[in-house]
Amino acid sequence: MRLVVFVNTTNPQDPFTTPYSVLGIVNTRTGALRLVHGTHLVTTEDMGWARWLPGGNRLIAGAGAGSYAVNAATLAARPFSFSGSPGQDIENSGDINFSATILPYP
C-alpha cells in the first residue's frame, strides 16, 4: 500500500547541475506523497534502488551517491552502508550497489 519514489529536486535537463533527489513514500490508496527530508541522493541515469525490510515499517535505499535507512512511520532517515562507511560514494564502496535482497529469519 506504499511505494517508495525518488523525487528529483533539480532540473534533470541541466547538464551543469548534478541531479539530486529525496526519497518519497506514496500512499497507493490516496496518492498522498510524504517526503523523507534529510535524504540527499545523486540520481543520474535512473540508478537508484529501494528495498522494504520485513515488517513493512523500515526500508533501505541508495543511489549513485547517498544511501539511507528509513523509518517509514516517522520519516526519520540515517546514512547507511553495508561497508560500514555511511556517506561513501556507493559506486566505490564495495556495497551491493543496485541489487538488494533481504531474507526473513527462518
PDB file of N, CA and C in Angstrom:
ATOM      1  N   MET A   1       0.805  -1.190   0.000  1.00  0.00           N
ATOM      2  CA  MET A   1       0.000   0.000   0.000  1.00  0.00           C
ATOM      3  C   MET A   1       0.854   1.263   0.000  1.00  0.00           C
ATOM      4  N   ARG A   2       2.198   1.080   0.050  1.00  0.00           N
ATOM      5  CA  ARG A   2       3.103   2.223  -0.024  1.00  0.00           C
ATOM      6  C   ARG A   2       4.152   1.950  -1.096  1.00  0.00           C
ATOM      7  N   LEU A   3       4.555   3.003  -1.745  1.00  0.00           N
ATOM      8  CA  LEU A   3       5.531   2.923  -2.816  1.00  0.00           C
ATOM      9  C   LEU A   3       6.623   3.939  -2.541  1.00  0.00           C
ATOM     10  N   VAL A   4       7.873   3.514  -2.647  1.00  0.00           N
ATOM     11  CA  VAL A   4       8.996   4.435  -2.474  1.00  0.00           C
ATOM     12  C   VAL A   4       9.354   5.008  -3.834  1.00  0.00           C
ATOM     13  N   VAL A   5       9.532   6.335  -3.884  1.00  0.00           N
ATOM     14  CA  VAL A   5       9.889   7.004  -5.128  1.00  0.00           C
ATOM     15  C   VAL A   5      11.071   7.947  -4.881  1.00  0.00           C
ATOM     16  N   PHE A   6      11.742   8.308  -5.958  1.00  0.00           N
ATOM     17  CA  PHE A   6      12.810   9.296  -5.910  1.00  0.00           C
ATOM     18  C   PHE A   6      12.246  10.582  -6.505  1.00  0.00           C
ATOM     19  N   VAL A   7      12.215  11.639  -5.712  1.00  0.00           N
ATOM     20  CA  VAL A   7      11.640  12.914  -6.141  1.00  0.00           C
ATOM     21  C   VAL A   7      12.793  13.847  -6.502  1.00  0.00           C
ATOM     22  N   ASN A   8      12.926  14.133  -7.797  1.00  0.00           N
ATOM     23  CA  ASN A   8      14.011  14.973  -8.277  1.00  0.00           C
ATOM     24  C   ASN A   8      13.835  16.393  -7.761  1.00  0.00           C
ATOM     25  N   THR A   9      14.914  16.946  -7.197  1.00  0.00           N
ATOM     26  CA  THR A   9      14.853  18.307  -6.659  1.00  0.00           C
ATOM     27  C   THR A   9      15.632  19.292  -7.512  1.00  0.00           C
ATOM     28  N   THR A  10      16.197  18.820  -8.613  1.00  0.00           N
ATOM     29  CA  THR A  10      16.951  19.680  -9.519  1.00  0.00           C
ATOM     30  C   THR A  10      16.432  19.484 -10.936  1.00  0.00           C
ATOM     31  N   ASN A  11      16.901  20.288 -11.844  1.00  0.00           N
ATOM     32  CA  ASN A  11      16.498  20.171 -13.237  1.00  0.00           C
ATOM     33  C   ASN A  11      17.310  19.060 -13.899  1.00  0.00           C
ATOM     34  N   PRO A  12      16.704  17.931 -14.238  1.00  0.00           N
ATOM     35  CA  PRO A  12      17.464  16.818 -14.817  1.00  0.00           C
ATOM     36  C   PRO A  12      17.970  17.115 -16.229  1.00  0.00           C
ATOM     37  N   GLN A  13      17.456  18.160 -16.858  1.00  0.00           N
ATOM     38  CA  GLN A  13      17.891  18.529 -18.204  1.00  0.00           C
ATOM     39  C   GLN A  13      19.100  19.469 -18.201  1.00  0.00           C
ATOM     40  N   ASP A  14      19.473  19.978 -17.033  1.00  0.00           N
ATOM     41  CA  ASP A  14      20.604  20.900 -16.933  1.00  0.00           C
ATOM     42  C   ASP A  14      21.901  20.102 -16.877  1.00  0.00           C
ATOM     43  N   PRO A  15      22.721  20.160 -17.926  1.00  0.00           N
ATOM     44  CA  PRO A  15      23.938  19.343 -17.945  1.00  0.00           C
ATOM     45  C   PRO A  15      25.011  19.827 -16.976  1.00  0.00           C
ATOM     46  N   PHE A  16      24.828  21.003 -16.380  1.00  0.00           N
ATOM     47  CA  PHE A  16      25.832  21.553 -15.481  1.00  0.00           C
ATOM     48  C   PHE A  16      25.474  21.370 -14.007  1.00  0.00           C
ATOM     49  N   THR A  17      24.359  20.721 -13.732  1.00  0.00           N
ATOM     50  CA  THR A  17      23.907  20.520 -12.357  1.00  0.00           C
ATOM     51  C   THR A  17      23.781  19.029 -12.076  1.00  0.00           C
ATOM     52  N   THR A  18      24.330  18.593 -10.964  1.00  0.00           N
ATOM     53  CA  THR A  18      24.174  17.202 -10.550  1.00  0.00           C
ATOM     54  C   THR A  18      22.729  16.982 -10.139  1.00  0.00           C
ATOM     55  N   PRO A  19      22.069  15.947 -10.687  1.00  0.00           N
ATOM     56  CA  PRO A  19      20.667  15.713 -10.314  1.00  0.00           C
ATOM     57  C   PRO A  19      20.552  15.064  -8.932  1.00  0.00           C
ATOM     58  N   TYR A  20      19.904  15.777  -8.024  1.00  0.00           N
ATOM     59  CA  TYR A  20      19.670  15.275  -6.680  1.00  0.00           C
ATOM     60  C   TYR A  20      18.196  14.945  -6.497  1.00  0.00           C
ATOM     61  N   SER A  21      17.943  13.954  -5.660  1.00  0.00           N
ATOM     62  CA  SER A  21      16.574  13.570  -5.313  1.00  0.00           C
ATOM     63  C   SER A  21      16.474  13.354  -3.818  1.00  0.00           C
ATOM     64  N   VAL A  22      15.254  13.422  -3.320  1.00  0.00           N
ATOM     65  CA  VAL A  22      14.939  12.997  -1.963  1.00  0.00           C
ATOM     66  C   VAL A  22      13.996  11.810  -2.089  1.00  0.00           C
ATOM     67  N   LEU A  23      13.970  10.970  -1.067  1.00  0.00           N
ATOM     68  CA  LEU A  23      13.030   9.851  -1.077  1.00  0.00           C
ATOM     69  C   LEU A  23      11.635  10.350  -0.767  1.00  0.00           C
ATOM     70  N   GLY A  24      10.667   9.717  -1.366  1.00  0.00           N
ATOM     71  CA  GLY A  24       9.272   9.985  -1.067  1.00  0.00           C
ATOM     72  C   GLY A  24       8.547   8.666  -0.860  1.00  0.00           C
ATOM     73  N   ILE A  25       7.530   8.677  -0.038  1.00  0.00           N
ATOM     74  CA  ILE A  25       6.701   7.494   0.188  1.00  0.00           C
ATOM     75  C   ILE A  25       5.282   7.851  -0.222  1.00  0.00           C
ATOM     76  N   VAL A  26       4.763   7.109  -1.186  1.00  0.00           N
ATOM     77  CA  VAL A  26       3.433   7.364  -1.731  1.00  0.00           C
ATOM     78  C   VAL A  26       2.447   6.368  -1.143  1.00  0.00           C
ATOM     79  N   ASN A  27       1.317   6.869  -0.633  1.00  0.00           N
ATOM     80  CA  ASN A  27       0.210   6.013  -0.208  1.00  0.00           C
ATOM     81  C   ASN A  27      -0.541   5.653  -1.487  1.00  0.00           C
ATOM     82  N   THR A  28      -0.538   4.380  -1.863  1.00  0.00           N
ATOM     83  CA  THR A  28      -1.150   3.992  -3.134  1.00  0.00           C
ATOM     84  C   THR A  28      -2.670   4.033  -3.109  1.00  0.00           C
ATOM     85  N   ARG A  29      -3.268   4.109  -1.942  1.00  0.00           N
ATOM     86  CA  ARG A  29      -4.732   4.271  -1.858  1.00  0.00           C
ATOM     87  C   ARG A  29      -5.162   5.701  -2.145  1.00  0.00           C
ATOM     88  N   THR A  30      -4.440   6.653  -1.521  1.00  0.00           N
ATOM     89  CA  THR A  30      -4.848   8.054  -1.609  1.00  0.00           C
ATOM     90  C   THR A  30      -4.024   8.867  -2.591  1.00  0.00           C
ATOM     91  N   GLY A  31      -2.831   8.381  -2.935  1.00  0.00           N
ATOM     92  CA  GLY A  31      -1.927   9.136  -3.795  1.00  0.00           C
ATOM     93  C   GLY A  31      -1.111  10.173  -3.046  1.00  0.00           C
ATOM     94  N   ALA A  32      -1.272  10.250  -1.723  1.00  0.00           N
ATOM     95  CA  ALA A  32      -0.540  11.236  -0.918  1.00  0.00           C
ATOM     96  C   ALA A  32       0.956  10.920  -0.922  1.00  0.00           C
ATOM     97  N   LEU A  33       1.759  11.951  -1.063  1.00  0.00           N
ATOM     98  CA  LEU A  33       3.209  11.838  -1.076  1.00  0.00           C
ATOM     99  C   LEU A  33       3.772  12.454   0.193  1.00  0.00           C
ATOM    100  N   ARG A  34       4.621  11.682   0.901  1.00  0.00           N
ATOM    101  CA  ARG A  34       5.325  12.194   2.083  1.00  0.00           C
ATOM    102  C   ARG A  34       6.813  12.167   1.764  1.00  0.00           C
ATOM    103  N   LEU A  35       7.482  13.317   1.873  1.00  0.00           N
ATOM    104  CA  LEU A  35       8.910  13.391   1.593  1.00  0.00           C
ATOM    105  C   LEU A  35       9.712  13.002   2.823  1.00  0.00           C
ATOM    106  N   VAL A  36      10.802  12.303   2.595  1.00  0.00           N
ATOM    107  CA  VAL A  36      11.718  11.920   3.668  1.00  0.00           C
ATOM    108  C   VAL A  36      12.840  12.949   3.666  1.00  0.00           C
ATOM    109  N   HIS A  37      12.617  14.040   4.400  1.00  0.00           N
ATOM    110  CA  HIS A  37      13.620  15.101   4.469  1.00  0.00           C
ATOM    111  C   HIS A  37      14.869  14.559   5.137  1.00  0.00           C
ATOM    112  N   GLY A  38      15.999  15.030   4.726  1.00  0.00           N
ATOM    113  CA  GLY A  38      17.259  14.524   5.264  1.00  0.00           C
ATOM    114  C   GLY A  38      17.900  13.507   4.342  1.00  0.00           C
ATOM    115  N   THR A  39      17.195  13.082   3.297  1.00  0.00           N
ATOM    116  CA  THR A  39      17.795  12.206   2.297  1.00  0.00           C
ATOM    117  C   THR A  39      18.266  13.068   1.137  1.00  0.00           C
ATOM    118  N   HIS A  40      19.419  12.748   0.611  1.00  0.00           N
ATOM    119  CA  HIS A  40      20.048  13.544  -0.445  1.00  0.00           C
ATOM    120  C   HIS A  40      20.785  12.557  -1.337  1.00  0.00           C
ATOM    121  N   LEU A  41      20.165  12.189  -2.455  1.00  0.00           N
ATOM    122  CA  LEU A  41      20.701  11.136  -3.316  1.00  0.00           C
ATOM    123  C   LEU A  41      21.032  11.686  -4.695  1.00  0.00           C
ATOM    124  N   VAL A  42      22.167  11.253  -5.246  1.00  0.00           N
ATOM    125  CA  VAL A  42      22.508  11.596  -6.620  1.00  0.00           C
ATOM    126  C   VAL A  42      21.842  10.566  -7.515  1.00  0.00           C
ATOM    127  N   THR A  43      20.954  11.022  -8.383  1.00  0.00           N
ATOM    128  CA  THR A  43      20.151  10.103  -9.195  1.00  0.00           C
ATOM    129  C   THR A  43      20.384  10.329 -10.687  1.00  0.00           C
ATOM    130  N   THR A  44      21.608  10.106 -11.101  1.00  0.00           N
ATOM    131  CA  THR A  44      21.916  10.171 -12.529  1.00  0.00           C
ATOM    132  C   THR A  44      21.533   8.859 -13.188  1.00  0.00           C
ATOM    133  N   GLU A  45      21.109   8.913 -14.410  1.00  0.00           N
ATOM    134  CA  GLU A  45      20.841   7.731 -15.229  1.00  0.00           C
ATOM    135  C   GLU A  45      19.906   6.725 -14.556  1.00  0.00           C
ATOM    136  N   ASP A  46      18.942   7.193 -13.812  1.00  0.00           N
ATOM    137  CA  ASP A  46      17.966   6.309 -13.165  1.00  0.00           C
ATOM    138  C   ASP A  46      18.622   5.215 -12.350  1.00  0.00           C
ATOM    139  N   MET A  47      19.734   5.521 -11.683  1.00  0.00           N
ATOM    140  CA  MET A  47      20.420   4.490 -10.914  1.00  0.00           C
ATOM    141  C   MET A  47      20.159   4.662  -9.429  1.00  0.00           C
ATOM    142  N   GLY A  48      19.054   4.109  -8.984  1.00  0.00           N
ATOM    143  CA  GLY A  48      18.702   4.141  -7.580  1.00  0.00           C
ATOM    144  C   GLY A  48      17.939   2.881  -7.221  1.00  0.00           C
ATOM    145  N   TRP A  49      17.930   2.545  -5.944  1.00  0.00           N
ATOM    146  CA  TRP A  49      17.227   1.342  -5.501  1.00  0.00           C
ATOM    147  C   TRP A  49      16.617   1.588  -4.131  1.00  0.00           C
ATOM    148  N   ALA A  50      15.569   0.872  -3.847  1.00  0.00           N
ATOM    149  CA  ALA A  50      14.932   0.917  -2.528  1.00  0.00           C
ATOM    150  C   ALA A  50      14.400  -0.467  -2.224  1.00  0.00           C
ATOM    151  N   ARG A  51      14.487  -0.864  -0.965  1.00  0.00           N
ATOM    152  CA  ARG A  51      14.040  -2.191  -0.563  1.00  0.00           C
ATOM    153  C   ARG A  51      13.350  -2.100   0.793  1.00  0.00           C
ATOM    154  N   TRP A  52      12.078  -2.512   0.841  1.00  0.00           N
ATOM    155  CA  TRP A  52      11.368  -2.583   2.117  1.00  0.00           C
ATOM    156  C   TRP A  52      11.946  -3.729   2.930  1.00  0.00           C
ATOM    157  N   LEU A  53      12.125  -3.525   4.214  1.00  0.00           N
ATOM    158  CA  LEU A  53      12.596  -4.573   5.112  1.00  0.00           C
ATOM    159  C   LEU A  53      11.390  -5.336   5.649  1.00  0.00           C
ATOM    160  N   PRO A  54      11.587  -6.559   6.109  1.00  0.00           N
ATOM    161  CA  PRO A  54      10.465  -7.337   6.653  1.00  0.00           C
ATOM    162  C   PRO A  54       9.726  -6.547   7.735  1.00  0.00           C
ATOM    163  N   GLY A  55       8.422  -6.615   7.711  1.00  0.00           N
ATOM    164  CA  GLY A  55       7.582  -5.886   8.652  1.00  0.00           C
ATOM    165  C   GLY A  55       6.939  -4.662   8.013  1.00  0.00           C
ATOM    166  N   GLY A  56       7.544  -4.130   6.957  1.00  0.00           N
ATOM    167  CA  GLY A  56       6.952  -3.037   6.211  1.00  0.00           C
ATOM    168  C   GLY A  56       7.029  -1.659   6.829  1.00  0.00           C
ATOM    169  N   ASN A  57       7.809  -1.480   7.911  1.00  0.00           N
ATOM    170  CA  ASN A  57       7.906  -0.159   8.539  1.00  0.00           C
ATOM    171  C   ASN A  57       9.250   0.507   8.317  1.00  0.00           C
ATOM    172  N   ARG A  58      10.186  -0.216   7.769  1.00  0.00           N
ATOM    173  CA  ARG A  58      11.524   0.322   7.524  1.00  0.00           C
ATOM    174  C   ARG A  58      11.972  -0.061   6.116  1.00  0.00           C
ATOM    175  N   LEU A  59      12.880   0.752   5.585  1.00  0.00           N
ATOM    176  CA  LEU A  59      13.417   0.454   4.265  1.00  0.00           C
ATOM    177  C   LEU A  59      14.844   0.943   4.181  1.00  0.00           C
ATOM    178  N   ILE A  60      15.559   0.441   3.192  1.00  0.00           N
ATOM    179  CA  ILE A  60      16.880   0.938   2.867  1.00  0.00           C
ATOM    180  C   ILE A  60      16.822   1.398   1.415  1.00  0.00           C
ATOM    181  N   ALA A  61      17.599   2.420   1.094  1.00  0.00           N
ATOM    182  CA  ALA A  61      17.582   2.956  -0.261  1.00  0.00           C
ATOM    183  C   ALA A  61      18.935   3.577  -0.569  1.00  0.00           C
ATOM    184  N   GLY A  62      19.280   3.585  -1.837  1.00  0.00           N
ATOM    185  CA  GLY A  62      20.536   4.194  -2.253  1.00  0.00           C
ATOM    186  C   GLY A  62      20.481   4.615  -3.706  1.00  0.00           C
ATOM    187  N   ALA A  63      21.506   5.347  -4.111  1.00  0.00           N
ATOM    188  CA  ALA A  63      21.599   5.806  -5.492  1.00  0.00           C
ATOM    189  C   ALA A  63      23.079   5.950  -5.834  1.00  0.00           C
ATOM    190  N   GLY A  64      23.391   6.723  -6.884  1.00  0.00           N
ATOM    191  CA  GLY A  64      24.776   6.907  -7.294  1.00  0.00           C
ATOM    192  C   GLY A  64      25.645   7.407  -6.159  1.00  0.00           C
ATOM    193  N   ALA A  65      25.097   8.256  -5.330  1.00  0.00           N
ATOM    194  CA  ALA A  65      25.754   8.707  -4.101  1.00  0.00           C
ATOM    195  C   ALA A  65      24.650   8.930  -3.085  1.00  0.00           C
ATOM    196  N   GLY A  66      24.864   8.439  -1.889  1.00  0.00           N
ATOM    197  CA  GLY A  66      23.887   8.551  -0.811  1.00  0.00           C
ATOM    198  C   GLY A  66      23.126   7.254  -0.646  1.00  0.00           C
ATOM    199  N   SER A  67      23.074   6.768   0.566  1.00  0.00           N
ATOM    200  CA  SER A  67      22.245   5.599   0.889  1.00  0.00           C
ATOM    201  C   SER A  67      21.769   5.763   2.328  1.00  0.00           C
ATOM    202  N   TYR A  68      20.526   5.299   2.582  1.00  0.00           N
ATOM    203  CA  TYR A  68      19.866   5.595   3.849  1.00  0.00           C
ATOM    204  C   TYR A  68      19.064   4.412   4.364  1.00  0.00           C
ATOM    205  N   ALA A  69      18.947   4.353   5.692  1.00  0.00           N
ATOM    206  CA  ALA A  69      17.982   3.500   6.368  1.00  0.00           C
ATOM    207  C   ALA A  69      16.871   4.443   6.831  1.00  0.00           C
ATOM    208  N   VAL A  70      15.609   4.079   6.545  1.00  0.00           N
ATOM    209  CA  VAL A  70      14.487   4.987   6.779  1.00  0.00           C
ATOM    210  C   VAL A  70      13.413   4.301   7.612  1.00  0.00           C
ATOM    211  N   ASN A  71      12.896   5.024   8.600  1.00  0.00           N
ATOM    212  CA  ASN A  71      11.719   4.595   9.342  1.00  0.00           C
ATOM    213  C   ASN A  71      10.525   5.216   8.614  1.00  0.00           C
ATOM    214  N   ALA A  72       9.698   4.391   7.974  1.00  0.00           N
ATOM    215  CA  ALA A  72       8.599   4.901   7.150  1.00  0.00           C
ATOM    216  C   ALA A  72       7.498   5.563   7.975  1.00  0.00           C
ATOM    217  N   ALA A  73       7.358   5.189   9.230  1.00  0.00           N
ATOM    218  CA  ALA A  73       6.314   5.786  10.066  1.00  0.00           C
ATOM    219  C   ALA A  73       6.675   7.206  10.491  1.00  0.00           C
ATOM    220  N   THR A  74       7.924   7.415  10.888  1.00  0.00           N
ATOM    221  CA  THR A  74       8.351   8.722  11.385  1.00  0.00           C
ATOM    222  C   THR A  74       9.077   9.553  10.334  1.00  0.00           C
ATOM    223  N   LEU A  75       9.442   8.934   9.223  1.00  0.00           N
ATOM    224  CA  LEU A  75      10.225   9.547   8.146  1.00  0.00           C
ATOM    225  C   LEU A  75      11.628   9.923   8.601  1.00  0.00           C
ATOM    226  N   ALA A  76      12.103   9.321   9.690  1.00  0.00           N
ATOM    227  CA  ALA A  76      13.473   9.537  10.137  1.00  0.00           C
ATOM    228  C   ALA A  76      14.411   8.748   9.224  1.00  0.00           C
ATOM    229  N   ALA A  77      15.518   9.371   8.852  1.00  0.00           N
ATOM    230  CA  ALA A  77      16.493   8.720   7.978  1.00  0.00           C
ATOM    231  C   ALA A  77      17.887   8.902   8.553  1.00  0.00           C
ATOM    232  N   ARG A  78      18.715   7.891   8.338  1.00  0.00           N
ATOM    233  CA  ARG A  78      20.117   7.992   8.744  1.00  0.00           C
ATOM    234  C   ARG A  78      20.961   7.402   7.632  1.00  0.00           C
ATOM    235  N   PRO A  79      22.186   7.915   7.442  1.00  0.00           N
ATOM    236  CA  PRO A  79      23.063   7.337   6.426  1.00  0.00           C
ATOM    237  C   PRO A  79      23.287   5.863   6.702  1.00  0.00           C
ATOM    238  N   PHE A  80      23.414   5.100   5.640  1.00  0.00           N
ATOM    239  CA  PHE A  80      23.520   3.651   5.755  1.00  0.00           C
ATOM    240  C   PHE A  80      24.490   3.130   4.707  1.00  0.00           C
ATOM    241  N   SER A  81      25.287   2.142   5.076  1.00  0.00           N
ATOM    242  CA  SER A  81      26.159   1.483   4.114  1.00  0.00           C
ATOM    243  C   SER A  81      26.439   0.076   4.587  1.00  0.00           C
ATOM    244  N   PHE A  82      26.455  -0.848   3.665  1.00  0.00           N
ATOM    245  CA  PHE A  82      26.831  -2.219   4.000  1.00  0.00           C
ATOM    246  C   PHE A  82      28.316  -2.306   4.322  1.00  0.00           C
ATOM    247  N   SER A  83      29.106  -1.364   3.819  1.00  0.00           N
ATOM    248  CA  SER A  83      30.552  -1.414   4.028  1.00  0.00           C
ATOM    249  C   SER A  83      30.976  -0.804   5.355  1.00  0.00           C
ATOM    250  N   GLY A  84      30.040  -0.167   6.071  1.00  0.00           N
ATOM    251  CA  GLY A  84      30.381   0.436   7.339  1.00  0.00           C
ATOM    252  C   GLY A  84      30.881   1.859   7.221  1.00  0.00           C
ATOM    253  N   SER A  85      30.785   2.437   6.016  1.00  0.00           N
ATOM    254  CA  SER A  85      31.240   3.812   5.803  1.00  0.00           C
ATOM    255  C   SER A  85      30.103   4.664   5.266  1.00  0.00           C
ATOM    256  N   PRO A  86      29.112   5.020   6.099  1.00  0.00           N
ATOM    257  CA  PRO A  86      27.995   5.830   5.619  1.00  0.00           C
ATOM    258  C   PRO A  86      28.475   7.114   4.962  1.00  0.00           C
ATOM    259  N   GLY A  87      27.822   7.469   3.886  1.00  0.00           N
ATOM    260  CA  GLY A  87      28.169   8.672   3.158  1.00  0.00           C
ATOM    261  C   GLY A  87      29.179   8.439   2.056  1.00  0.00           C
ATOM    262  N   GLN A  88      29.808   7.272   2.030  1.00  0.00           N
ATOM    263  CA  GLN A  88      30.768   6.960   0.986  1.00  0.00           C
ATOM    264  C   GLN A  88      30.025   6.751  -0.331  1.00  0.00           C
ATOM    265  N   ASP A  89      30.617   7.185  -1.421  1.00  0.00           N
ATOM    266  CA  ASP A  89      30.030   7.004  -2.745  1.00  0.00           C
ATOM    267  C   ASP A  89      29.791   5.519  -2.972  1.00  0.00           C
ATOM    268  N   ILE A  90      28.546   5.146  -3.219  1.00  0.00           N
ATOM    269  CA  ILE A  90      28.188   3.732  -3.337  1.00  0.00           C
ATOM    270  C   ILE A  90      28.889   3.038  -4.492  1.00  0.00           C
ATOM    271  N   GLU A  91      29.233   3.776  -5.534  1.00  0.00           N
ATOM    272  CA  GLU A  91      29.907   3.152  -6.669  1.00  0.00           C
ATOM    273  C   GLU A  91      31.310   2.683  -6.302  1.00  0.00           C
ATOM    274  N   ASN A  92      31.922   3.275  -5.285  1.00  0.00           N
ATOM    275  CA  ASN A  92      33.278   2.923  -4.881  1.00  0.00           C
ATOM    276  C   ASN A  92      33.335   2.276  -3.498  1.00  0.00           C
ATOM    277  N   SER A  93      32.195   1.924  -2.940  1.00  0.00           N
ATOM    278  CA  SER A  93      32.161   1.467  -1.557  1.00  0.00           C
ATOM    279  C   SER A  93      32.282  -0.033  -1.390  1.00  0.00           C
ATOM    280  N   GLY A  94      32.097  -0.787  -2.461  1.00  0.00           N
ATOM    281  CA  GLY A  94      32.046  -2.237  -2.308  1.00  0.00           C
ATOM    282  C   GLY A  94      30.678  -2.712  -1.870  1.00  0.00           C
ATOM    283  N   ASP A  95      29.722  -1.789  -1.743  1.00  0.00           N
ATOM    284  CA  ASP A  95      28.354  -2.163  -1.397  1.00  0.00           C
ATOM    285  C   ASP A  95      27.764  -3.035  -2.501  1.00  0.00           C
ATOM    286  N   ILE A  96      26.594  -3.531  -2.221  1.00  0.00           N
ATOM    287  CA  ILE A  96      25.928  -4.394  -3.188  1.00  0.00           C
ATOM    288  C   ILE A  96      25.407  -3.619  -4.384  1.00  0.00           C
ATOM    289  N   ASN A  97      25.581  -2.317  -4.349  1.00  0.00           N
ATOM    290  CA  ASN A  97      25.136  -1.399  -5.386  1.00  0.00           C
ATOM    291  C   ASN A  97      23.654  -1.518  -5.635  1.00  0.00           C
ATOM    292  N   PHE A  98      23.182  -2.076  -6.691  1.00  0.00           N
ATOM    293  CA  PHE A  98      21.778  -1.932  -7.030  1.00  0.00           C
ATOM    294  C   PHE A  98      21.016  -3.250  -7.011  1.00  0.00           C
ATOM    295  N   SER A  99      21.440  -4.185  -6.192  1.00  0.00           N
ATOM    296  CA  SER A  99      20.705  -5.443  -6.072  1.00  0.00           C
ATOM    297  C   SER A  99      20.670  -5.858  -4.610  1.00  0.00           C
ATOM    298  N   ALA A 100      19.575  -5.568  -3.949  1.00  0.00           N
ATOM    299  CA  ALA A 100      19.434  -5.891  -2.524  1.00  0.00           C
ATOM    300  C   ALA A 100      18.391  -6.970  -2.343  1.00  0.00           C
ATOM    301  N   THR A 101      18.725  -7.967  -1.558  1.00  0.00           N
ATOM    302  CA  THR A 101      17.766  -8.999  -1.195  1.00  0.00           C
ATOM    303  C   THR A 101      17.815  -9.162   0.312  1.00  0.00           C
ATOM    304  N   ILE A 102      16.673  -9.054   0.946  1.00  0.00           N
ATOM    305  CA  ILE A 102      16.569  -9.237   2.390  1.00  0.00           C
ATOM    306  C   ILE A 102      15.826 -10.556   2.623  1.00  0.00           C
ATOM    307  N   LEU A 103      16.445 -11.446   3.342  1.00  0.00           N
ATOM    308  CA  LEU A 103      15.847 -12.743   3.604  1.00  0.00           C
ATOM    309  C   LEU A 103      15.255 -12.765   4.996  1.00  0.00           C
ATOM    310  N   PRO A 104      14.067 -13.320   5.168  1.00  0.00           N
ATOM    311  CA  PRO A 104      13.464 -13.411   6.503  1.00  0.00           C
ATOM    312  C   PRO A 104      14.250 -14.399   7.363  1.00  0.00           C
ATOM    313  N   TYR A 105      14.246 -14.133   8.646  1.00  0.00           N
ATOM    314  CA  TYR A 105      14.877 -15.049   9.585  1.00  0.00           C
ATOM    315  C   TYR A 105      14.046 -16.328   9.630  1.00  0.00           C
ATOM    316  N   PRO A 106      14.707 -17.497   9.537  1.00  0.00           N
ATOM    317  CA  PRO A 106      13.945 -18.768   9.486  1.00  0.00           C
ATOM    318  C   PRO A 106      13.051 -19.020  10.690  1.00  0.00           C
TER     319      PRO A 106
END
